[in-house]
């Protein structure tokens, strides 16, 4: 007897996990790309975003470097968010922490908060769906 995997209780969890992983990897890639560009061409990035020039430039470069380090901590949740649920939750908390920080700072810095919001909202929704679906699958057995 074959079981249709699309009708199984775990299918929604698998789909949510796959989408979460894809968005997490996309976010990691976007963070690292933006950070490298910001490290290499700091003045150009600040001018492009119409932000005031920092003096010395080591501080925005260091902030970009910290973004790369933070992104490394997202990797376990990108590999398996259900097995590494702490990492997945912390990744989402960090995204919303960025949203809160840059909303408070305001001005043209809000761009950075919107960047985090664009990844944080879908990640939070998909992780919640994955948890609910995986728990439903366990209770149905």
N, C-alpha and C. Protein backbone atom coordinates (compact mmCIF):
# COMPACT_ATOMS: atom_id res chain seq x y z
N UNK A 1 0.84 -1.17 0.00
CA UNK A 1 0.00 0.00 0.00
C UNK A 1 0.89 1.24 0.00
N UNK A 2 0.64 2.15 -0.92
CA UNK A 2 1.42 3.37 -0.99
C UNK A 2 0.67 4.50 -0.31
N UNK A 3 1.41 5.37 0.29
CA UNK A 3 0.83 6.50 1.00
C UNK A 3 1.11 7.76 0.17
N UNK A 4 0.08 8.52 -0.09
CA UNK A 4 0.23 9.77 -0.81
C UNK A 4 0.85 10.79 0.12
N UNK A 5 2.08 11.21 -0.22
CA UNK A 5 2.80 12.11 0.68
C UNK A 5 2.15 13.49 0.77
N UNK A 6 1.39 13.90 -0.27
CA UNK A 6 0.75 15.21 -0.21
C UNK A 6 -0.39 15.25 0.80
N UNK A 7 -0.98 14.08 1.11
CA UNK A 7 -2.07 14.01 2.08
C UNK A 7 -1.59 13.64 3.47
N UNK A 8 -0.31 13.39 3.61
CA UNK A 8 0.19 13.00 4.92
C UNK A 8 0.21 14.22 5.84
N UNK A 9 0.09 13.99 7.15
CA UNK A 9 0.08 15.10 8.09
C UNK A 9 1.39 15.89 8.09
N UNK A 10 2.47 15.28 7.63
CA UNK A 10 3.77 15.94 7.67
C UNK A 10 4.03 16.81 6.44
N UNK A 11 3.23 16.67 5.37
CA UNK A 11 3.47 17.41 4.13
C UNK A 11 3.48 18.92 4.35
N UNK A 12 2.53 19.50 5.09
CA UNK A 12 2.60 20.96 5.32
C UNK A 12 3.86 21.36 6.09
N UNK A 13 4.28 20.53 7.02
CA UNK A 13 5.49 20.83 7.79
C UNK A 13 6.70 20.82 6.88
N UNK A 14 6.77 19.83 5.99
CA UNK A 14 7.90 19.73 5.07
C UNK A 14 7.94 20.94 4.15
N UNK A 15 6.79 21.34 3.62
CA UNK A 15 6.74 22.51 2.74
C UNK A 15 7.15 23.78 3.49
N UNK A 16 6.65 23.96 4.69
CA UNK A 16 6.99 25.15 5.48
C UNK A 16 8.48 25.17 5.80
N UNK A 17 9.03 24.02 6.14
CA UNK A 17 10.46 23.94 6.45
C UNK A 17 11.29 24.26 5.20
N UNK A 18 10.88 23.72 4.07
CA UNK A 18 11.64 23.99 2.83
C UNK A 18 11.62 25.48 2.48
N UNK A 19 10.46 26.11 2.61
CA UNK A 19 10.38 27.55 2.34
C UNK A 19 11.16 28.35 3.37
N UNK A 20 11.07 27.95 4.64
CA UNK A 20 11.84 28.63 5.68
C UNK A 20 13.33 28.56 5.36
N UNK A 21 13.79 27.36 5.01
CA UNK A 21 15.22 27.18 4.70
C UNK A 21 15.63 28.05 3.52
N UNK A 22 14.81 28.09 2.49
CA UNK A 22 15.13 28.89 1.30
C UNK A 22 15.23 30.37 1.65
N UNK A 23 14.28 30.87 2.42
CA UNK A 23 14.29 32.29 2.80
C UNK A 23 15.45 32.57 3.75
N UNK A 24 15.75 31.61 4.62
CA UNK A 24 16.88 31.79 5.53
C UNK A 24 18.19 31.88 4.76
N UNK A 25 18.41 30.98 3.79
CA UNK A 25 19.63 31.03 2.98
C UNK A 25 19.69 32.30 2.15
N UNK A 26 18.55 32.72 1.62
CA UNK A 26 18.50 33.97 0.86
C UNK A 26 18.88 35.16 1.75
N UNK A 27 18.37 35.16 2.99
CA UNK A 27 18.70 36.22 3.94
C UNK A 27 20.16 36.21 4.33
N UNK A 28 20.72 35.03 4.53
CA UNK A 28 22.15 34.92 4.84
C UNK A 28 22.97 35.47 3.68
N UNK A 29 22.61 35.06 2.47
CA UNK A 29 23.33 35.55 1.29
C UNK A 29 23.21 37.05 1.13
N UNK A 30 22.01 37.58 1.36
CA UNK A 30 21.79 39.03 1.24
C UNK A 30 22.60 39.78 2.30
N UNK A 31 22.61 39.26 3.53
CA UNK A 31 23.40 39.89 4.60
C UNK A 31 24.88 39.94 4.23
N UNK A 32 25.41 38.79 3.81
CA UNK A 32 26.84 38.69 3.51
C UNK A 32 27.20 39.57 2.32
N UNK A 33 26.36 39.55 1.28
CA UNK A 33 26.63 40.38 0.10
C UNK A 33 26.61 41.87 0.46
N UNK A 34 25.59 42.29 1.19
CA UNK A 34 25.52 43.70 1.60
C UNK A 34 26.69 44.08 2.49
N UNK A 35 27.07 43.17 3.37
CA UNK A 35 28.18 43.46 4.28
C UNK A 35 29.50 43.58 3.52
N UNK A 36 29.78 42.67 2.59
CA UNK A 36 31.02 42.75 1.82
C UNK A 36 31.07 44.03 0.99
N UNK A 37 29.95 44.36 0.36
CA UNK A 37 29.90 45.60 -0.41
C UNK A 37 30.14 46.80 0.50
N UNK A 38 29.56 46.77 1.70
CA UNK A 38 29.72 47.88 2.64
C UNK A 38 31.14 47.98 3.18
N UNK A 39 31.81 46.84 3.31
CA UNK A 39 33.20 46.87 3.77
C UNK A 39 34.12 47.42 2.68
N UNK A 40 33.90 46.97 1.45
CA UNK A 40 34.79 47.36 0.35
C UNK A 40 34.53 48.78 -0.14
N UNK A 41 33.28 49.19 -0.21
CA UNK A 41 32.91 50.48 -0.77
C UNK A 41 32.05 51.27 0.23
N UNK A 42 32.58 51.47 1.41
CA UNK A 42 31.84 52.10 2.51
C UNK A 42 31.31 53.48 2.12
N UNK A 43 32.15 54.33 1.60
CA UNK A 43 31.73 55.69 1.26
C UNK A 43 30.64 55.68 0.19
N UNK A 44 30.78 54.80 -0.80
CA UNK A 44 29.78 54.72 -1.87
C UNK A 44 28.43 54.26 -1.34
N UNK A 45 28.44 53.31 -0.41
CA UNK A 45 27.18 52.82 0.17
C UNK A 45 26.52 53.93 0.98
N UNK A 46 27.28 54.63 1.79
CA UNK A 46 26.72 55.72 2.58
C UNK A 46 26.16 56.83 1.68
N UNK A 47 26.86 57.14 0.61
CA UNK A 47 26.37 58.14 -0.34
C UNK A 47 25.11 57.66 -1.04
N UNK A 48 25.09 56.40 -1.46
CA UNK A 48 23.94 55.83 -2.16
C UNK A 48 22.68 55.88 -1.30
N UNK A 49 22.84 55.58 -0.01
CA UNK A 49 21.71 55.59 0.92
C UNK A 49 21.44 56.97 1.51
N UNK A 50 22.23 57.97 1.09
CA UNK A 50 22.09 59.35 1.58
C UNK A 50 22.22 59.44 3.10
N UNK A 51 23.21 58.68 3.62
CA UNK A 51 23.50 58.71 5.05
C UNK A 51 24.72 59.59 5.28
N UNK A 52 24.80 60.17 6.48
CA UNK A 52 25.95 61.02 6.78
C UNK A 52 27.22 60.17 6.82
N UNK A 53 28.30 60.79 6.40
CA UNK A 53 29.58 60.09 6.35
C UNK A 53 30.08 59.85 7.77
N UNK A 54 30.53 58.65 8.02
CA UNK A 54 31.06 58.28 9.33
C UNK A 54 32.56 58.58 9.35
N UNK A 55 33.04 59.01 10.51
CA UNK A 55 34.47 59.26 10.67
C UNK A 55 34.92 58.66 11.98
N UNK A 56 35.82 57.75 12.02
CA UNK A 56 36.48 57.10 10.89
C UNK A 56 35.57 56.03 10.28
N UNK A 57 35.89 55.62 9.06
CA UNK A 57 35.08 54.63 8.33
C UNK A 57 35.18 53.22 8.91
N UNK A 58 36.08 53.05 9.87
CA UNK A 58 36.22 51.73 10.47
C UNK A 58 34.92 51.29 11.15
N UNK A 59 34.11 52.22 11.67
CA UNK A 59 32.90 51.84 12.41
C UNK A 59 31.82 51.25 11.52
N UNK A 60 31.46 51.85 10.39
CA UNK A 60 30.49 51.16 9.54
C UNK A 60 31.05 49.86 8.94
N UNK A 61 32.36 49.84 8.71
CA UNK A 61 32.96 48.59 8.22
C UNK A 61 32.89 47.51 9.29
N UNK A 62 33.12 47.89 10.54
CA UNK A 62 33.03 46.93 11.64
C UNK A 62 31.60 46.43 11.81
N UNK A 63 30.63 47.33 11.67
CA UNK A 63 29.22 46.93 11.75
C UNK A 63 28.89 45.92 10.65
N UNK A 64 29.43 46.14 9.46
CA UNK A 64 29.21 45.20 8.36
C UNK A 64 29.88 43.86 8.66
N UNK A 65 31.06 43.90 9.24
CA UNK A 65 31.75 42.67 9.63
C UNK A 65 30.93 41.90 10.68
N UNK A 66 30.36 42.62 11.64
CA UNK A 66 29.52 41.97 12.65
C UNK A 66 28.28 41.32 12.02
N UNK A 67 27.76 41.93 10.96
CA UNK A 67 26.63 41.33 10.25
C UNK A 67 27.02 40.00 9.63
N UNK A 68 28.23 39.89 9.13
CA UNK A 68 28.72 38.61 8.59
C UNK A 68 28.80 37.58 9.72
N UNK A 69 29.35 37.99 10.85
CA UNK A 69 29.45 37.06 11.99
C UNK A 69 28.07 36.62 12.46
N UNK A 70 27.12 37.56 12.55
CA UNK A 70 25.76 37.23 12.95
C UNK A 70 25.15 36.22 11.99
N UNK A 71 25.40 36.42 10.71
CA UNK A 71 24.82 35.54 9.69
C UNK A 71 25.34 34.11 9.81
N UNK A 72 26.55 33.95 10.29
CA UNK A 72 27.10 32.60 10.51
C UNK A 72 26.24 31.85 11.53
N UNK A 73 25.73 32.55 12.52
CA UNK A 73 24.90 31.91 13.54
C UNK A 73 23.53 31.50 12.99
N UNK A 74 23.15 32.02 11.83
CA UNK A 74 21.87 31.63 11.20
C UNK A 74 21.97 30.29 10.48
N UNK A 75 23.17 29.83 10.19
CA UNK A 75 23.36 28.64 9.36
C UNK A 75 22.69 27.39 9.93
N UNK A 76 22.82 27.07 11.23
CA UNK A 76 22.16 25.84 11.71
C UNK A 76 20.66 25.84 11.46
N UNK A 77 19.99 26.97 11.63
CA UNK A 77 18.55 27.01 11.38
C UNK A 77 18.24 26.94 9.90
N UNK A 78 19.15 27.37 9.05
CA UNK A 78 18.96 27.23 7.60
C UNK A 78 19.12 25.78 7.17
N UNK A 79 19.90 25.01 7.91
CA UNK A 79 20.10 23.60 7.59
C UNK A 79 18.88 22.79 8.05
N UNK A 80 18.47 22.96 9.30
CA UNK A 80 17.29 22.23 9.81
C UNK A 80 16.67 23.02 10.96
N UNK A 81 15.64 23.82 10.66
CA UNK A 81 15.05 24.67 11.70
C UNK A 81 14.32 23.90 12.80
N UNK A 82 13.85 22.71 12.51
CA UNK A 82 13.15 21.95 13.55
C UNK A 82 14.14 21.30 14.51
N UNK A 83 15.27 20.86 13.99
CA UNK A 83 16.29 20.28 14.86
C UNK A 83 17.06 21.36 15.62
N UNK A 84 17.20 22.52 15.01
CA UNK A 84 17.92 23.63 15.63
C UNK A 84 16.93 24.77 15.89
N UNK A 85 15.90 24.47 16.66
CA UNK A 85 14.83 25.44 16.88
C UNK A 85 15.32 26.67 17.64
N UNK A 86 16.27 26.50 18.54
CA UNK A 86 16.81 27.66 19.26
C UNK A 86 17.45 28.64 18.28
N UNK A 87 18.25 28.11 17.38
CA UNK A 87 18.90 28.95 16.37
C UNK A 87 17.87 29.64 15.48
N UNK A 88 16.81 28.93 15.11
CA UNK A 88 15.77 29.50 14.26
C UNK A 88 15.04 30.64 14.97
N UNK A 89 14.71 30.43 16.23
CA UNK A 89 14.01 31.46 17.00
C UNK A 89 14.92 32.68 17.20
N UNK A 90 16.17 32.44 17.53
CA UNK A 90 17.10 33.55 17.74
C UNK A 90 17.32 34.32 16.44
N UNK A 91 17.37 33.64 15.32
CA UNK A 91 17.51 34.32 14.03
C UNK A 91 16.34 35.26 13.78
N UNK A 92 15.15 34.81 14.09
CA UNK A 92 13.96 35.65 13.91
C UNK A 92 13.96 36.80 14.90
N UNK A 93 14.33 36.53 16.14
CA UNK A 93 14.42 37.59 17.15
C UNK A 93 15.44 38.65 16.72
N UNK A 94 16.56 38.21 16.16
CA UNK A 94 17.57 39.16 15.68
C UNK A 94 17.03 40.01 14.55
N UNK A 95 16.26 39.41 13.64
CA UNK A 95 15.66 40.19 12.55
C UNK A 95 14.74 41.27 13.12
N UNK A 96 13.87 40.89 14.05
CA UNK A 96 12.94 41.87 14.62
C UNK A 96 13.65 42.85 15.55
N UNK A 97 14.77 42.43 16.14
CA UNK A 97 15.60 43.37 16.89
C UNK A 97 16.15 44.46 15.98
N UNK A 98 16.57 44.07 14.79
CA UNK A 98 17.04 45.05 13.81
C UNK A 98 15.92 45.99 13.39
N UNK A 99 14.72 45.43 13.19
CA UNK A 99 13.56 46.26 12.84
C UNK A 99 13.31 47.29 13.93
N UNK A 100 13.30 46.84 15.18
CA UNK A 100 13.04 47.75 16.31
C UNK A 100 14.13 48.82 16.42
N UNK A 101 15.37 48.40 16.33
CA UNK A 101 16.48 49.35 16.47
C UNK A 101 16.41 50.44 15.41
N UNK A 102 16.29 50.04 14.15
CA UNK A 102 16.32 51.03 13.08
C UNK A 102 15.02 51.83 12.99
N UNK A 103 13.94 51.31 13.54
CA UNK A 103 12.71 52.10 13.63
C UNK A 103 12.89 53.21 14.67
N UNK A 104 13.53 52.88 15.78
CA UNK A 104 13.78 53.87 16.83
C UNK A 104 14.77 54.93 16.33
N UNK A 105 15.82 54.49 15.65
CA UNK A 105 16.81 55.43 15.11
C UNK A 105 16.15 56.32 14.07
N UNK A 106 15.34 55.72 13.22
CA UNK A 106 14.57 56.48 12.24
C UNK A 106 15.40 57.05 11.11
N UNK A 107 14.85 58.07 10.49
CA UNK A 107 15.52 58.71 9.36
C UNK A 107 15.73 57.74 8.21
N UNK A 108 16.79 57.93 7.50
CA UNK A 108 17.09 57.08 6.35
C UNK A 108 17.59 55.70 6.78
N UNK A 109 17.88 55.54 8.06
CA UNK A 109 18.32 54.24 8.56
C UNK A 109 17.18 53.22 8.56
N UNK A 110 15.96 53.68 8.39
CA UNK A 110 14.82 52.77 8.37
C UNK A 110 14.96 51.72 7.27
N UNK A 111 15.74 52.04 6.24
CA UNK A 111 15.99 51.07 5.17
C UNK A 111 16.51 49.75 5.73
N UNK A 112 17.42 49.83 6.70
CA UNK A 112 17.98 48.62 7.29
C UNK A 112 16.93 47.83 8.07
N UNK A 113 16.03 48.53 8.73
CA UNK A 113 14.94 47.87 9.43
C UNK A 113 13.98 47.19 8.47
N UNK A 114 13.68 47.84 7.35
CA UNK A 114 12.81 47.23 6.34
C UNK A 114 13.46 46.00 5.72
N UNK A 115 14.77 46.03 5.57
CA UNK A 115 15.52 44.88 5.07
C UNK A 115 15.31 43.68 5.99
N UNK A 116 15.46 43.92 7.30
CA UNK A 116 15.24 42.83 8.27
C UNK A 116 13.77 42.40 8.31
N UNK A 117 12.87 43.34 8.19
CA UNK A 117 11.44 43.02 8.20
C UNK A 117 11.07 42.12 7.02
N UNK A 118 11.67 42.38 5.87
CA UNK A 118 11.37 41.59 4.67
C UNK A 118 11.73 40.12 4.84
N UNK A 119 12.72 39.82 5.67
CA UNK A 119 13.08 38.44 5.93
C UNK A 119 12.43 37.91 7.20
N UNK A 120 12.29 38.75 8.21
CA UNK A 120 11.78 38.31 9.51
C UNK A 120 10.33 37.86 9.49
N UNK A 121 9.47 38.59 8.80
CA UNK A 121 8.04 38.23 8.78
C UNK A 121 7.81 36.86 8.13
N UNK A 122 8.30 36.63 6.91
CA UNK A 122 8.06 35.30 6.33
C UNK A 122 8.71 34.18 7.12
N UNK A 123 9.88 34.44 7.69
CA UNK A 123 10.55 33.41 8.48
C UNK A 123 9.72 33.06 9.72
N UNK A 124 9.20 34.07 10.39
CA UNK A 124 8.40 33.82 11.59
C UNK A 124 7.14 33.04 11.24
N UNK A 125 6.46 33.42 10.18
CA UNK A 125 5.23 32.73 9.77
C UNK A 125 5.54 31.29 9.39
N UNK A 126 6.57 31.09 8.58
CA UNK A 126 6.90 29.73 8.13
C UNK A 126 7.37 28.84 9.27
N UNK A 127 8.12 29.39 10.21
CA UNK A 127 8.56 28.58 11.34
C UNK A 127 7.36 28.17 12.20
N UNK A 128 6.45 29.08 12.41
CA UNK A 128 5.24 28.77 13.17
C UNK A 128 4.42 27.69 12.46
N UNK A 129 4.26 27.82 11.15
CA UNK A 129 3.54 26.80 10.37
C UNK A 129 4.25 25.44 10.44
N UNK A 130 5.56 25.46 10.36
CA UNK A 130 6.33 24.21 10.44
C UNK A 130 6.14 23.54 11.79
N UNK A 131 6.20 24.33 12.87
CA UNK A 131 6.01 23.77 14.21
C UNK A 131 4.62 23.19 14.36
N UNK A 132 3.62 23.96 13.96
CA UNK A 132 2.23 23.48 14.10
C UNK A 132 2.00 22.22 13.29
N UNK A 133 2.48 22.20 12.06
CA UNK A 133 2.29 21.03 11.20
C UNK A 133 3.03 19.82 11.70
N UNK A 134 4.24 20.03 12.21
CA UNK A 134 5.01 18.88 12.70
C UNK A 134 4.40 18.34 13.99
N UNK A 135 3.85 19.19 14.82
CA UNK A 135 3.19 18.74 16.05
C UNK A 135 1.86 18.03 15.74
N UNK A 136 1.14 18.51 14.71
CA UNK A 136 -0.09 17.85 14.29
C UNK A 136 0.22 16.45 13.78
N UNK A 137 1.30 16.34 13.02
CA UNK A 137 1.70 15.04 12.49
C UNK A 137 2.04 14.06 13.59
N UNK A 138 2.66 14.53 14.66
CA UNK A 138 3.01 13.65 15.78
C UNK A 138 1.78 13.21 16.54
N UNK A 139 0.82 14.12 16.74
CA UNK A 139 -0.35 13.78 17.53
C UNK A 139 -1.33 12.90 16.76
N UNK A 140 -1.22 12.88 15.43
CA UNK A 140 -2.13 12.07 14.62
C UNK A 140 -1.75 10.60 14.63
N UNK A 141 -0.57 10.27 15.10
CA UNK A 141 -0.12 8.87 15.07
C UNK A 141 -0.57 8.11 16.27
